[in-house]
Amino acid sequence: MGAGATLGAVSQFPSRAVVDLAAIRGNVRSLAAHAPTAQVMAVVKADAYGHGLVPSAQAAVEGGATWLGAAQVPEAVALRRAGIVGARVLTWLYAPGAPLREAVEADVDVSVAAAWALDEVVAAARAAGRTARIHLKVDTGLGRNGLTPADLDALLPDALRAQAEGAVEVVGVWSHLAFADEPAHPTVRAQAVVFADAVRAVEDAGAHVEVRHLANSAATLTDPAVHHDLVRPGIAVYGLSPVPQLGGPEDFGLVPAMTFEAELATVKAVPAGHGISYAHQYVTPHDTVVGVVPVGYADGVPRHASGTQDRPGGPLRVGGRTLGVAGRVCMDQVVVDLGPGAREVAGDRVELFGTGRDGGPTAEDWARAAGTISYEIVTRVGARVPRVHVDSDADRSAHAATSSSSTSDAGTPGTTAGAAPALTTEVAR
């Protein structure tokens, strides 16, 4: 019995996102190999890019990540409350009035990207009665949050005064690249120079910088010159390539961790000339069989990946065949033209995307169909879709143990060949 069939019996919802924690562990190990002189921060923002915050973070730490990155303060605090203590945690995106005291009390490092942010971190540290570890965020050219070089010069005296008082400790300097996915782009080197100048300014002012970090997923995989003390991969942790024009996951030793699957809800024969879905963007060219898949844009299926008469929509794997969405993506469902004489029945498994190793569709395929990036495809999988966490490493270990037992006992044949990955958690969020 395949993994989809086994897990389908677990969930009452007609679709699920199956996340293999072994893939996340393995991806972190591969990323560490690409950056052997740096520590690895696994970025788990946005519910670990849709994969499930706590299970994904735990798997990343097991794979060797010594840092975790969570954009929002509540995400970072949630990691500590879940008992994750084997890695440092950094949070960086907040507005005035954020619960920074909770972050400091939870031993979460906090980024400072403006003078008001330093003031609020200092106040939070005093209220918590402990020193806050801060990373100074520098805008080296991306144009988002961060201190300009002039702002950094103005803030440093206040930061070091707060450090002398024991309110904060400046432990990091960091920035973010605008064109990391184009390694030869001149802005990459230009930002690296501005970053080096910023680090020098902080150190010359008297701070002991523990970690300098600039590299995201793309730079981790393609640009050792910007690895510094710490790399911050995000999408690559989940097995997707940040530079699909340079190589797919397999080219970088990565395995996509998420498989998005459902079951056919309706299968029926329709005649030639039958309009499909809203506005009849697709009309059956001949007598055929169509199937309804109970997922739609409420579940994260992008409406931009609708199919037309001339262009198939987002890819679906059904019965070993890859077909396209026929007609418009609806809120709760899509339709697929299964073809004349199709033998599929209601309840048969449909894979929207997965590892692609068997020739099936991938998140990158959906990104191309929708005119977006794979990051958005996995992150937008809807909150009502259960995340089912499995561990293929545990399954392989169980299979090996059973096989060993069966070979030592000629009268007991092995029974786990083809078994589904071991189920660890199911989270219907």
Protein backbone atom coordinates (compact mmCIF):
# COMPACT_ATOMS: atom_id res chain seq x y z
CA MET A 1 0.00 0.00 0.00
CA GLY A 2 1.42 3.40 -0.95
CA ALA A 3 2.03 6.27 1.45
CA GLY A 4 -0.86 8.31 0.07
CA ALA A 5 -3.37 5.53 0.64
CA THR A 6 -2.18 4.94 4.19
CA LEU A 7 -2.21 8.59 5.15
CA GLY A 8 -5.53 9.16 3.41
CA ALA A 9 -7.13 6.91 5.99
CA VAL A 10 -5.68 9.06 8.78
CA SER A 11 -7.24 12.35 7.74
CA GLN A 12 -10.93 13.06 7.24
CA PHE A 13 -10.09 16.13 5.14
CA PRO A 14 -10.01 15.36 1.40
CA SER A 15 -6.47 16.68 0.94
CA ARG A 16 -3.26 16.87 2.93
CA ALA A 17 0.28 18.19 2.80
CA VAL A 18 2.59 15.31 3.68
CA VAL A 19 5.92 16.57 5.03
CA ASP A 20 8.89 14.21 5.25
CA LEU A 21 11.02 15.31 8.19
CA ALA A 22 13.87 13.11 6.98
CA ALA A 23 14.08 15.27 3.86
CA ILE A 24 14.43 18.40 6.00
CA ARG A 25 17.20 16.79 8.04
CA GLY A 26 18.99 15.68 4.90
CA ASN A 27 18.62 19.08 3.25
CA VAL A 28 20.21 20.81 6.23
CA ARG A 29 23.12 18.38 6.07
CA SER A 30 23.54 19.14 2.36
CA LEU A 31 23.44 22.88 3.00
CA ALA A 32 26.06 22.54 5.72
CA ALA A 33 28.27 20.73 3.22
CA HIS A 34 27.89 23.66 0.81
CA ALA A 35 29.04 26.05 3.56
CA PRO A 36 31.60 24.06 5.57
CA THR A 37 33.15 27.10 7.25
CA ALA A 38 29.87 28.53 8.53
CA GLN A 39 27.12 27.60 10.94
CA VAL A 40 23.63 27.02 9.51
CA MET A 41 20.54 28.99 10.49
CA ALA A 42 17.45 27.18 9.23
CA VAL A 43 14.83 29.82 8.52
CA VAL A 44 11.43 28.60 9.72
CA LYS A 45 9.38 31.76 9.23
CA ALA A 46 5.81 31.59 7.90
CA ASP A 47 5.10 28.27 9.62
CA ALA A 48 8.32 26.87 8.16
CA TYR A 49 7.30 27.92 4.64
CA GLY A 50 4.01 26.10 5.17
CA HIS A 51 5.63 22.86 6.37
CA GLY A 52 4.76 23.17 10.09
CA LEU A 53 6.83 25.31 12.45
CA VAL A 54 7.80 23.07 15.34
CA PRO A 55 8.26 19.68 13.59
CA SER A 56 10.28 21.32 10.82
CA ALA A 57 12.44 23.25 13.28
CA GLN A 58 13.12 20.11 15.29
CA ALA A 59 14.11 18.22 12.14
CA ALA A 60 16.41 21.06 11.07
CA VAL A 61 18.20 21.02 14.42
CA GLU A 62 18.54 17.24 14.18
CA GLY A 63 20.08 17.78 10.74
CA GLY A 64 22.75 20.06 12.19
CA ALA A 65 21.27 23.57 12.23
CA THR A 66 22.69 25.49 15.19
CA TRP A 67 20.42 28.49 14.62
CA LEU A 68 16.76 28.96 13.74
CA GLY A 69 15.32 32.08 12.15
CA ALA A 70 11.72 33.22 12.68
CA ALA A 71 10.61 36.55 11.25
CA GLN A 72 7.82 37.22 13.74
CA VAL A 73 8.33 37.39 17.50
CA PRO A 74 5.44 34.99 18.34
CA GLU A 75 6.97 32.36 16.03
CA ALA A 76 10.33 32.65 17.77
CA VAL A 77 8.80 32.42 21.24
CA ALA A 78 6.70 29.43 20.13
CA LEU A 79 9.90 27.55 19.29
CA ARG A 80 11.19 27.99 22.83
CA ARG A 81 7.84 27.09 24.37
CA ALA A 82 7.86 23.91 22.29
CA GLY A 83 11.06 22.93 24.08
CA ILE A 84 13.56 23.65 21.31
CA VAL A 85 16.69 24.64 23.19
CA GLY A 86 19.44 23.06 21.10
CA ALA A 87 19.81 26.06 18.81
CA ARG A 88 19.90 29.82 19.06
CA VAL A 89 16.82 31.61 17.68
CA LEU A 90 16.75 34.97 15.90
CA THR A 91 13.69 37.13 15.22
CA TRP A 92 13.76 40.30 13.14
CA LEU A 93 10.46 41.68 11.87
CA TYR A 94 8.30 43.61 14.31
CA ALA A 95 6.58 46.95 14.77
CA PRO A 96 6.56 49.25 17.80
CA GLY A 97 4.85 47.63 20.77
CA ALA A 98 5.85 44.06 19.86
CA PRO A 99 6.18 41.58 22.77
CA LEU A 100 9.95 41.91 22.94
CA ARG A 101 10.06 41.19 26.66
CA GLU A 102 8.72 37.70 25.91
CA ALA A 103 11.47 37.24 23.34
CA VAL A 104 14.21 38.31 25.75
CA GLU A 105 12.82 36.12 28.53
CA ALA A 106 12.74 33.18 26.09
CA ASP A 107 16.42 33.69 25.20
CA VAL A 108 15.62 34.76 21.65
CA ASP A 109 18.12 36.97 19.82
CA VAL A 110 16.50 40.14 18.46
CA SER A 111 17.41 42.12 15.36
CA VAL A 112 17.67 45.89 15.62
CA ALA A 113 17.02 47.80 12.40
CA ALA A 114 16.13 51.28 13.69
CA ALA A 115 16.77 53.60 16.63
CA TRP A 116 13.26 53.08 18.04
CA ALA A 117 13.83 49.31 17.93
CA LEU A 118 16.96 49.64 20.06
CA ASP A 119 15.01 51.70 22.59
CA GLU A 120 12.28 49.05 22.80
CA VAL A 121 14.74 46.17 23.12
CA VAL A 122 16.57 48.00 25.92
CA ALA A 123 13.27 48.59 27.72
CA ALA A 124 12.31 44.93 27.25
CA ALA A 125 15.65 43.76 28.63
CA ARG A 126 15.33 45.95 31.70
CA ALA A 127 11.79 44.70 32.30
CA ALA A 128 12.92 41.10 31.89
CA GLY A 129 15.94 41.58 34.11
CA ARG A 130 18.34 39.99 31.64
CA THR A 131 20.65 41.04 28.83
CA ALA A 132 19.18 41.02 25.33
CA ARG A 133 21.33 39.60 22.54
CA ILE A 134 20.97 41.85 19.49
CA HIS A 135 21.96 41.68 15.82
CA LEU A 136 22.32 44.99 13.98
CA LYS A 137 20.52 44.80 10.61
CA VAL A 138 22.18 46.90 7.90
CA ASP A 139 20.53 47.92 4.64
CA THR A 140 23.36 47.25 2.20
CA GLY A 141 21.21 47.76 -0.89
CA LEU A 142 17.98 45.75 -0.70
CA GLY A 143 15.98 48.79 0.37
CA ARG A 144 13.82 47.06 2.98
CA ASN A 145 14.28 47.28 6.73
CA GLY A 146 17.74 47.92 8.08
CA LEU A 147 20.05 50.70 9.13
CA THR A 148 21.69 52.75 6.41
CA PRO A 149 25.42 53.23 6.99
CA ALA A 150 24.69 56.73 8.30
CA ASP A 151 21.96 55.39 10.61
CA LEU A 152 24.37 52.74 11.87
CA ASP A 153 26.98 55.35 12.74
CA ALA A 154 24.36 57.34 14.64
CA LEU A 155 23.02 54.31 16.53
CA LEU A 156 26.32 52.71 17.55
CA PRO A 157 27.07 55.00 20.53
CA ASP A 158 23.64 54.29 22.02
CA ALA A 159 23.97 50.56 21.39
CA LEU A 160 27.38 50.38 23.05
CA ARG A 161 26.21 52.51 25.95
CA ALA A 162 23.33 50.07 26.49
CA GLN A 163 25.83 47.23 26.24
CA ALA A 164 28.05 48.82 28.90
CA GLU A 165 25.00 49.04 31.16
CA GLY A 166 24.30 45.33 30.64
CA ALA A 167 20.97 45.86 28.86
CA VAL A 168 22.11 44.45 25.51
CA GLU A 169 24.99 42.58 23.95
CA VAL A 170 25.78 43.26 20.30
CA VAL A 171 26.45 39.74 19.01
CA GLY A 172 25.67 39.99 15.30
CA VAL A 173 25.69 42.14 12.18
CA TRP A 174 23.64 41.06 9.21
CA SER A 175 22.05 42.04 5.92
CA HIS A 176 20.17 40.54 2.98
CA LEU A 177 21.05 40.33 -0.71
CA ALA A 178 18.82 41.69 -3.46
CA PHE A 179 20.16 39.52 -6.31
CA ALA A 180 21.47 36.39 -4.60
CA ASP A 181 19.63 34.28 -7.19
CA GLU A 182 21.82 35.93 -9.86
CA PRO A 183 25.29 35.29 -8.41
CA ALA A 184 27.10 37.30 -11.10
CA HIS A 185 24.95 40.40 -10.64
CA PRO A 186 27.14 43.40 -9.73
CA THR A 187 24.97 44.31 -6.74
CA VAL A 188 26.07 41.13 -4.94
CA ARG A 189 29.68 42.28 -4.74
CA ALA A 190 28.62 45.87 -4.07
CA GLN A 191 26.47 44.78 -1.11
CA ALA A 192 29.29 42.59 0.18
CA VAL A 193 31.58 45.64 0.29
CA VAL A 194 29.01 47.75 2.15
CA PHE A 195 28.47 44.86 4.56
CA ALA A 196 32.19 44.50 5.25
CA ASP A 197 32.40 48.23 5.96
CA ALA A 198 29.47 47.97 8.39
CA VAL A 199 31.04 45.06 10.26
CA ARG A 200 34.29 46.98 10.51
CA ALA A 201 32.47 50.04 11.88
CA VAL A 202 30.76 47.97 14.57
CA GLU A 203 33.96 46.24 15.59
CA ASP A 204 35.98 49.48 15.54
CA ALA A 205 33.38 50.99 17.87
CA GLY A 206 34.20 48.30 20.42
CA ALA A 207 31.63 45.53 19.88
CA HIS A 208 32.68 41.88 19.75
CA VAL A 209 30.75 40.48 16.78
CA GLU A 210 29.99 36.80 17.29
CA VAL A 211 28.28 36.19 13.93
CA ARG A 212 28.26 38.00 10.61
CA HIS A 213 25.58 36.76 8.23
CA LEU A 214 24.55 37.72 4.72
CA ALA A 215 23.86 34.54 2.71
CA ASN A 216 20.34 33.25 2.04
CA SER A 217 19.54 29.95 0.28
CA ALA A 218 20.83 31.05 -3.12
CA ALA A 219 24.08 32.48 -1.76
CA THR A 220 24.58 29.44 0.48
CA LEU A 221 24.51 27.21 -2.59
CA THR A 222 26.36 29.40 -5.08
CA ASP A 223 28.57 32.03 -3.41
CA PRO A 224 31.09 30.95 -0.73
CA ALA A 225 32.52 34.48 -0.63
CA VAL A 226 29.50 35.68 1.38
CA HIS A 227 29.13 32.74 3.77
CA HIS A 228 30.92 34.49 6.67
CA ASP A 229 30.17 32.95 10.09
CA LEU A 230 26.57 31.93 9.48
CA VAL A 231 24.37 31.16 6.47
CA ARG A 232 20.58 31.56 6.53
CA PRO A 233 18.94 29.14 4.07
CA GLY A 234 15.16 29.21 3.91
CA ILE A 235 13.49 27.58 0.91
CA ALA A 236 16.42 25.19 0.40
CA VAL A 237 15.81 23.70 3.86
CA TYR A 238 12.54 22.38 2.43
CA GLY A 239 14.22 20.94 -0.65
CA LEU A 240 13.34 23.52 -3.31
CA SER A 241 15.90 25.24 -5.50
CA PRO A 242 16.25 29.01 -5.03
CA VAL A 243 17.95 29.19 -8.44
CA PRO A 244 15.92 26.95 -10.77
CA GLN A 245 17.62 28.53 -13.76
CA LEU A 246 20.92 27.12 -12.46
CA GLY A 247 19.74 23.74 -11.21
CA GLY A 248 16.95 21.77 -9.63
CA PRO A 249 16.91 20.33 -6.12
CA GLU A 250 18.78 17.20 -7.15
CA ASP A 251 21.65 19.29 -8.52
CA PHE A 252 22.26 20.69 -5.03
CA GLY A 253 21.66 17.51 -3.05
CA LEU A 254 18.18 18.58 -1.93
CA VAL A 255 14.90 16.66 -1.70
CA PRO A 256 11.51 18.43 -1.66
CA ALA A 257 9.93 17.73 1.72
CA MET A 258 6.26 18.42 0.93
CA THR A 259 3.84 16.35 -1.11
CA PHE A 260 0.42 17.95 -1.64
CA GLU A 261 -2.19 15.31 -2.41
CA ALA A 262 -5.93 14.72 -2.48
CA GLU A 263 -8.51 12.19 -3.70
CA LEU A 264 -10.88 12.42 -6.62
CA ALA A 265 -14.31 13.41 -5.32
CA THR A 266 -16.32 12.92 -8.51
CA VAL A 267 -15.64 11.06 -11.76
CA LYS A 268 -18.15 11.22 -14.61
CA ALA A 269 -18.51 10.98 -18.38
CA VAL A 270 -19.36 14.16 -20.29
CA PRO A 271 -19.99 14.72 -24.00
CA ALA A 272 -17.93 16.71 -26.47
CA GLY A 273 -18.54 20.45 -26.26
CA HIS A 274 -19.24 20.42 -22.52
CA GLY A 275 -18.10 23.57 -20.69
CA ILE A 276 -15.93 23.05 -17.62
CA SER A 277 -15.91 25.32 -14.56
CA TYR A 278 -16.67 29.05 -14.42
CA ALA A 279 -16.81 30.98 -17.71
CA HIS A 280 -16.17 27.77 -19.67
CA GLN A 281 -12.52 28.62 -20.31
CA TYR A 282 -12.18 24.95 -21.15
CA VAL A 283 -14.65 23.04 -23.34
CA THR A 284 -14.26 19.30 -23.83
CA PRO A 285 -12.97 18.64 -27.37
CA HIS A 286 -14.54 15.15 -27.47
CA ASP A 287 -16.50 12.72 -25.34
CA THR A 288 -14.41 12.27 -22.23
CA VAL A 289 -14.28 11.59 -18.51
CA VAL A 290 -13.66 14.38 -16.02
CA GLY A 291 -12.71 14.26 -12.37
CA VAL A 292 -13.26 16.77 -9.59
CA VAL A 293 -10.39 17.27 -7.13
CA PRO A 294 -11.59 18.86 -3.85
CA VAL A 295 -8.89 21.53 -3.52
CA GLY A 296 -9.01 25.12 -4.70
CA TYR A 297 -7.67 28.57 -4.06
CA ALA A 298 -8.89 28.39 -0.45
CA ASP A 299 -6.34 25.59 -0.09
CA GLY A 300 -3.56 27.49 -1.81
CA VAL A 301 -4.05 26.30 -5.38
CA PRO A 302 -3.26 29.44 -7.39
CA ARG A 303 -6.09 30.70 -9.58
CA HIS A 304 -3.46 31.92 -12.05
CA ALA A 305 -2.80 28.24 -12.77
CA SER A 306 -6.25 27.76 -14.30
CA GLY A 307 -6.40 25.90 -17.61
CA THR A 308 -7.81 27.11 -20.91
CA GLN A 309 -8.63 25.51 -24.23
CA ASP A 310 -5.14 26.31 -25.47
CA ARG A 311 -3.06 25.98 -22.31
CA PRO A 312 -3.28 23.25 -19.65
CA GLY A 313 -3.43 24.52 -16.10
CA GLY A 314 -1.38 23.45 -13.11
CA PRO A 315 -0.19 19.83 -13.30
CA LEU A 316 -1.89 16.94 -11.51
CA ARG A 317 -0.63 13.36 -11.23
CA VAL A 318 -3.50 10.89 -11.58
CA GLY A 319 -3.06 7.16 -12.13
CA GLY A 320 0.56 7.56 -13.19
CA ARG A 321 -0.29 10.27 -15.73
CA THR A 322 0.43 13.99 -15.45
CA LEU A 323 -2.54 16.04 -16.62
CA GLY A 324 -3.44 19.72 -16.31
CA VAL A 325 -6.21 21.58 -14.53
CA ALA A 326 -9.10 22.01 -16.97
CA GLY A 327 -10.85 25.35 -16.65
CA ARG A 328 -10.80 27.80 -13.79
CA VAL A 329 -9.51 26.99 -10.34
CA CYS A 330 -12.44 27.46 -7.93
CA MET A 331 -12.42 28.16 -4.20
CA ASP A 332 -12.74 24.51 -3.18
CA GLN A 333 -12.16 22.44 -6.30
CA VAL A 334 -10.51 21.97 -9.66
CA VAL A 335 -11.47 19.78 -12.60
CA VAL A 336 -9.19 17.50 -14.58
CA ASP A 337 -9.95 16.00 -18.00
CA LEU A 338 -9.07 12.34 -17.50
CA GLY A 339 -9.61 11.47 -21.15
CA PRO A 340 -11.90 9.05 -23.01
CA GLY A 341 -12.19 5.65 -21.38
CA ALA A 342 -10.46 6.75 -18.17
CA ARG A 343 -10.65 4.12 -15.44
CA GLU A 344 -10.13 6.31 -12.40
CA VAL A 345 -12.83 6.28 -9.73
CA ALA A 346 -13.78 8.53 -6.85
CA GLY A 347 -11.27 8.10 -4.04
CA ASP A 348 -8.24 7.61 -6.28
CA ARG A 349 -5.17 9.57 -5.25
CA VAL A 350 -4.21 12.83 -6.98
CA GLU A 351 -0.80 14.41 -6.44
CA LEU A 352 -0.55 18.13 -7.05
CA PHE A 353 3.17 18.25 -6.33
CA GLY A 354 5.86 16.24 -4.61
CA THR A 355 9.48 15.24 -5.01
CA GLY A 356 9.27 14.84 -8.78
CA ARG A 357 11.51 11.79 -8.56
CA ASP A 358 8.93 9.59 -10.28
CA GLY A 359 8.30 12.13 -13.00
CA GLY A 360 5.39 13.66 -11.12
CA PRO A 361 4.73 17.40 -10.79
CA THR A 362 6.74 19.63 -8.48
CA ALA A 363 6.19 22.92 -6.72
CA GLU A 364 8.44 24.47 -9.36
CA ASP A 365 6.09 23.17 -12.08
CA TRP A 366 3.18 24.87 -10.33
CA ALA A 367 5.22 28.05 -9.98
CA ARG A 368 5.79 28.13 -13.73
CA ALA A 369 2.11 27.45 -14.40
CA ALA A 370 1.08 30.33 -12.12
CA GLY A 371 3.85 32.76 -13.07
CA THR A 372 5.34 32.84 -9.57
CA ILE A 373 8.05 31.16 -7.48
CA SER A 374 8.08 27.84 -5.65
CA TYR A 375 8.37 29.67 -2.32
CA GLU A 376 4.83 30.97 -2.78
CA ILE A 377 3.43 27.60 -3.85
CA VAL A 378 4.39 25.75 -0.66
CA THR A 379 3.87 28.67 1.72
CA ARG A 380 0.35 29.39 0.48
CA VAL A 381 -1.01 25.86 1.07
CA GLY A 382 -4.12 26.68 3.05
CA ALA A 383 -4.53 26.53 6.81
CA ARG A 384 -7.39 24.02 6.56
CA VAL A 385 -5.17 21.50 4.76
CA PRO A 386 -3.78 19.12 7.41
CA ARG A 387 0.00 18.87 7.65
CA VAL A 388 0.89 15.22 8.07
CA HIS A 389 4.46 14.74 9.24
CA VAL A 390 6.20 11.50 8.34
CA ASP A 391 9.74 10.28 8.77
CA SER A 392 11.11 8.16 5.95
CA ASP A 393 14.33 7.61 7.94
CA ALA A 394 12.33 5.89 10.67
CA ASP A 395 10.56 3.82 8.03
CA ARG A 396 13.86 2.72 6.49
CA SER A 397 15.24 1.84 9.92
CA ALA A 398 12.16 -0.23 10.72
CA HIS A 399 12.39 -1.94 7.35
CA ALA A 400 16.08 -2.71 7.87
CA ALA A 401 15.41 -4.11 11.34
CA THR A 402 12.56 -6.27 10.07
CA SER A 403 14.57 -7.46 7.08
CA SER A 404 17.44 -8.38 9.38
CA SER A 405 15.07 -10.27 11.63
CA SER A 406 13.48 -12.07 8.70
CA THR A 407 16.82 -13.21 7.29
CA SER A 408 17.82 -14.62 10.67
CA ASP A 409 14.51 -16.48 10.95
CA ALA A 410 13.87 -18.37 7.75
CA GLY A 411 10.33 -19.14 8.80
CA THR A 412 9.30 -15.46 9.12
CA PRO A 413 9.17 -13.50 5.88
CA GLY A 414 9.76 -9.72 5.99
CA THR A 415 6.58 -7.69 6.06
CA THR A 416 7.54 -4.04 5.70
CA ALA A 417 8.59 -3.79 2.06
CA GLY A 418 6.63 -0.99 0.46
CA ALA A 419 5.32 0.28 3.79
CA ALA A 420 4.38 3.92 4.14
CA PRO A 421 6.69 6.31 6.00
CA ALA A 422 6.22 6.27 9.75
CA LEU A 423 3.60 8.80 10.82
CA THR A 424 4.86 11.18 13.49
CA THR A 425 2.26 13.93 13.72
CA GLU A 426 -0.82 15.21 12.04
CA VAL A 427 -1.69 18.86 12.45
CA ALA A 428 -5.05 20.06 11.17
CA ARG A 429 -4.50 23.78 11.53
